[in-house]
N, C-alpha and C. Protein backbone atom coordinates (compact mmCIF):
# COMPACT_ATOMS: atom_id res chain seq x y z
N MET A 1 6.61 -3.64 -2.04
CA MET A 1 5.61 -2.51 -1.27
C MET A 1 4.21 -2.50 -1.46
N VAL A 2 3.30 -2.84 -0.40
CA VAL A 2 1.87 -2.83 -0.44
C VAL A 2 1.34 -1.48 0.21
N ASP A 3 0.56 -0.87 -0.83
CA ASP A 3 0.05 0.00 -0.56
C ASP A 3 -1.51 -0.27 -0.13
N ALA A 4 -1.84 -0.83 1.13
CA ALA A 4 -3.25 -1.03 1.39
C ALA A 4 -3.80 0.22 2.33
N TYR A 5 -5.10 -0.12 0.86
CA TYR A 5 -6.58 1.33 0.80
C TYR A 5 -7.31 0.93 0.77
N THR A 6 -8.53 1.76 1.63
CA THR A 6 -10.11 1.46 1.15
C THR A 6 -10.45 2.85 0.55
N ASP A 7 -11.95 2.30 -0.39
CA ASP A 7 -12.19 3.47 -1.46
C ASP A 7 -12.64 4.68 -0.42
N TRP A 8 -12.88 4.44 0.90
CA TRP A 8 -13.45 5.51 1.62
C TRP A 8 -12.14 6.10 2.60
N CYS A 9 -11.00 6.23 2.44
CA CYS A 9 -10.20 6.48 3.53
C CYS A 9 -9.70 7.84 2.52
N GLY A 10 -9.65 8.72 3.30
CA GLY A 10 -9.79 10.32 3.25
C GLY A 10 -7.90 10.39 2.99
N TRP A 11 -7.32 9.83 3.95
CA TRP A 11 -6.26 9.84 3.89
C TRP A 11 -5.07 9.08 2.68
N CYS A 12 -5.75 8.23 2.66
CA CYS A 12 -5.36 7.42 1.29
C CYS A 12 -5.49 7.87 -0.26
N LYS A 13 -6.40 8.85 -0.60
CA LYS A 13 -6.49 9.75 -1.56
C LYS A 13 -5.49 11.03 -1.23
N VAL A 14 -5.29 11.35 -0.36
CA VAL A 14 -4.36 12.43 -0.10
C VAL A 14 -3.18 12.11 -0.82
N MET A 15 -2.63 10.89 -0.26
CA MET A 15 -1.22 10.08 -0.72
C MET A 15 -0.96 10.10 -1.90
N ASP A 16 -2.25 9.28 -2.66
CA ASP A 16 -2.53 9.10 -4.35
C ASP A 16 -2.36 10.75 -4.84
N GLN A 17 -2.91 11.50 -4.46
CA GLN A 17 -2.93 12.93 -5.13
C GLN A 17 -2.06 13.48 -5.09
N GLU A 18 -1.20 13.47 -3.85
CA GLU A 18 -0.21 14.66 -3.23
C GLU A 18 1.08 14.16 -3.14
N THR A 19 1.09 12.69 -2.70
CA THR A 19 2.83 12.28 -2.53
C THR A 19 2.99 11.62 -3.64
N PHE A 20 2.37 10.45 -4.20
CA PHE A 20 2.66 9.37 -5.11
C PHE A 20 2.85 9.90 -6.29
N ASN A 21 1.91 11.60 -6.48
CA ASN A 21 2.30 12.05 -7.72
C ASN A 21 3.64 12.80 -7.79
N ASP A 22 4.22 12.74 -6.60
CA ASP A 22 5.31 13.65 -6.97
C ASP A 22 6.43 12.63 -7.21
N THR A 23 6.73 14.07 -8.29
CA THR A 23 7.91 12.85 -9.00
C THR A 23 9.22 11.89 -8.70
N LEU A 24 9.66 13.00 -7.45
CA LEU A 24 11.01 12.52 -7.10
C LEU A 24 10.21 11.20 -6.06
N VAL A 25 9.41 11.31 -5.35
CA VAL A 25 8.64 10.33 -4.28
C VAL A 25 8.69 9.23 -4.99
N GLY A 26 7.67 9.11 -6.44
CA GLY A 26 7.46 7.92 -7.66
C GLY A 26 9.00 7.38 -7.82
N ASP A 27 9.66 7.79 -8.47
CA ASP A 27 10.78 7.45 -8.97
C ASP A 27 11.61 6.83 -7.89
N PHE A 28 11.54 7.45 -6.65
CA PHE A 28 12.50 6.58 -5.60
C PHE A 28 11.78 5.66 -5.09
N ILE A 29 10.25 5.20 -5.34
CA ILE A 29 9.52 4.02 -4.82
C ILE A 29 9.89 3.37 -6.34
N ASN A 30 9.65 3.77 -7.17
CA ASN A 30 9.50 2.72 -8.36
C ASN A 30 10.93 1.94 -8.39
N GLY A 31 11.88 3.11 -7.89
CA GLY A 31 13.56 2.43 -8.02
C GLY A 31 14.08 1.47 -7.32
N GLN A 32 13.05 1.51 -6.23
CA GLN A 32 13.68 0.64 -5.22
C GLN A 32 12.52 -0.25 -4.45
N PHE A 33 11.32 -0.44 -4.70
CA PHE A 33 10.24 -1.82 -4.77
C PHE A 33 9.70 -1.79 -5.36
N ILE A 34 8.74 -3.03 -5.80
CA ILE A 34 7.97 -3.58 -6.64
C ILE A 34 6.73 -3.11 -6.19
N SER A 35 6.09 -2.30 -6.37
CA SER A 35 4.77 -1.56 -5.25
C SER A 35 3.56 -1.71 -6.40
N THR A 36 2.20 -2.37 -5.45
CA THR A 36 1.29 -2.35 -6.23
C THR A 36 0.02 -2.23 -4.90
N LYS A 37 -1.19 -1.22 -5.21
CA LYS A 37 -2.08 -0.88 -4.52
C LYS A 37 -3.36 -2.24 -4.63
N ILE A 38 -3.79 -2.41 -3.10
CA ILE A 38 -4.56 -3.45 -3.09
C ILE A 38 -6.17 -3.00 -2.03
N ASN A 39 -7.32 -2.63 -2.59
CA ASN A 39 -8.02 -2.34 -1.54
C ASN A 39 -7.98 -3.64 -0.84
N MET A 40 -8.37 -3.13 0.65
CA MET A 40 -8.57 -4.04 1.77
C MET A 40 -9.94 -4.71 2.00
N GLU A 41 -10.78 -4.05 1.46
CA GLU A 41 -11.98 -4.55 1.57
C GLU A 41 -13.35 -5.33 0.58
N GLU A 42 -11.86 -5.85 -0.48
CA GLU A 42 -12.27 -6.45 -1.99
C GLU A 42 -11.66 -7.84 -2.16
N ASN A 43 -11.73 -8.66 -2.14
CA ASN A 43 -11.31 -9.96 -2.98
C ASN A 43 -10.02 -10.24 -1.78
N PHE A 44 -9.00 -10.80 -2.45
CA PHE A 44 -7.73 -10.76 -1.93
C PHE A 44 -7.18 -10.07 -0.71
N GLY A 45 -7.88 -8.41 -0.94
CA GLY A 45 -7.21 -7.69 -0.03
C GLY A 45 -7.87 -8.08 1.54
N LEU A 46 -9.31 -8.53 1.45
CA LEU A 46 -10.01 -9.28 2.55
C LEU A 46 -8.97 -10.21 3.23
N ASP A 47 -8.25 -10.98 2.76
CA ASP A 47 -7.11 -12.54 2.84
C ASP A 47 -5.68 -11.26 4.05
N LEU A 48 -5.29 -10.35 2.88
CA LEU A 48 -4.43 -10.02 3.25
C LEU A 48 -4.61 -8.97 4.46
N ALA A 49 -5.52 -8.15 4.55
CA ALA A 49 -5.98 -7.39 5.88
C ALA A 49 -5.91 -8.25 7.37
N MET A 50 -6.34 -9.20 7.48
CA MET A 50 -6.77 -10.83 8.17
C MET A 50 -5.24 -11.03 8.64
N LYS A 51 -4.67 -11.48 7.70
CA LYS A 51 -3.50 -12.43 7.80
C LYS A 51 -2.47 -11.17 8.27
N TYR A 52 -2.16 -9.65 7.90
CA TYR A 52 -1.04 -9.07 8.88
C TYR A 52 -1.80 -8.24 9.75
N ARG A 53 -3.29 -8.17 9.99
CA ARG A 53 -4.01 -7.25 10.56
C ARG A 53 -4.04 -5.52 10.53
N VAL A 54 -4.69 -5.68 9.42
CA VAL A 54 -4.13 -3.97 8.51
C VAL A 54 -5.57 -3.87 8.99
N SER A 55 -5.59 -2.75 9.82
CA SER A 55 -6.78 -1.98 10.63
C SER A 55 -7.04 -0.44 10.37
N GLN A 56 -5.88 0.11 9.93
CA GLN A 56 -5.90 1.70 10.28
C GLN A 56 -5.51 1.77 8.79
N TYR A 57 -5.92 2.61 8.24
CA TYR A 57 -5.65 3.10 6.65
C TYR A 57 -5.39 4.68 6.11
N PRO A 58 -4.17 4.76 5.75
CA PRO A 58 -3.28 4.06 4.60
C PRO A 58 -2.66 3.50 5.44
N GLN A 59 -1.93 1.90 4.69
CA GLN A 59 -0.65 1.41 5.75
C GLN A 59 -0.17 0.81 4.67
N TYR A 60 1.18 0.66 4.78
CA TYR A 60 2.07 0.17 3.80
C TYR A 60 2.78 -1.04 4.23
N LEU A 61 2.38 -1.96 3.44
CA LEU A 61 3.58 -3.54 4.26
C LEU A 61 4.54 -3.58 2.83
N PHE A 62 5.86 -3.86 3.64
CA PHE A 62 7.12 -3.85 3.04
C PHE A 62 7.12 -5.20 3.43
N PHE A 63 7.52 -6.42 1.70
CA PHE A 63 8.09 -7.75 2.20
C PHE A 63 9.52 -7.58 1.48
N ASN A 64 9.84 -8.63 2.18
CA ASN A 64 11.71 -8.65 1.55
C ASN A 64 11.27 -9.94 0.08
N GLY A 65 12.11 -10.33 -0.21
CA GLY A 65 12.58 -11.34 -2.02
C GLY A 65 11.79 -12.35 -1.32
N LYS A 66 11.49 -12.81 -0.11
CA LYS A 66 11.43 -14.02 0.26
C LYS A 66 9.94 -14.08 0.54
N GLY A 67 8.97 -13.16 0.70
CA GLY A 67 7.87 -12.83 1.23
C GLY A 67 7.11 -12.55 2.11
N GLU A 68 8.43 -12.29 2.85
CA GLU A 68 8.05 -12.15 4.60
C GLU A 68 8.17 -10.69 5.06
N LEU A 69 7.38 -10.33 6.09
CA LEU A 69 6.41 -8.97 6.32
C LEU A 69 7.68 -8.45 6.60
N LEU A 70 8.65 -7.29 6.38
CA LEU A 70 9.53 -6.36 7.26
C LEU A 70 8.86 -5.93 8.47
């Protein structure tokens, strides 16, 4: 699971503070996925945003074990 975010995204900050900090949500995500946050406006994030057409934030990308976008 990729949390595609930007520094200026207000709703990304809300998700971090309210949703991902919730113990039930965090336990579920950590138990089901390998998750990471990637800033879509820096380094590898720029390439990822272009490849998967990420243009709205927050956005979450889910990949299978083969690295294919689901």
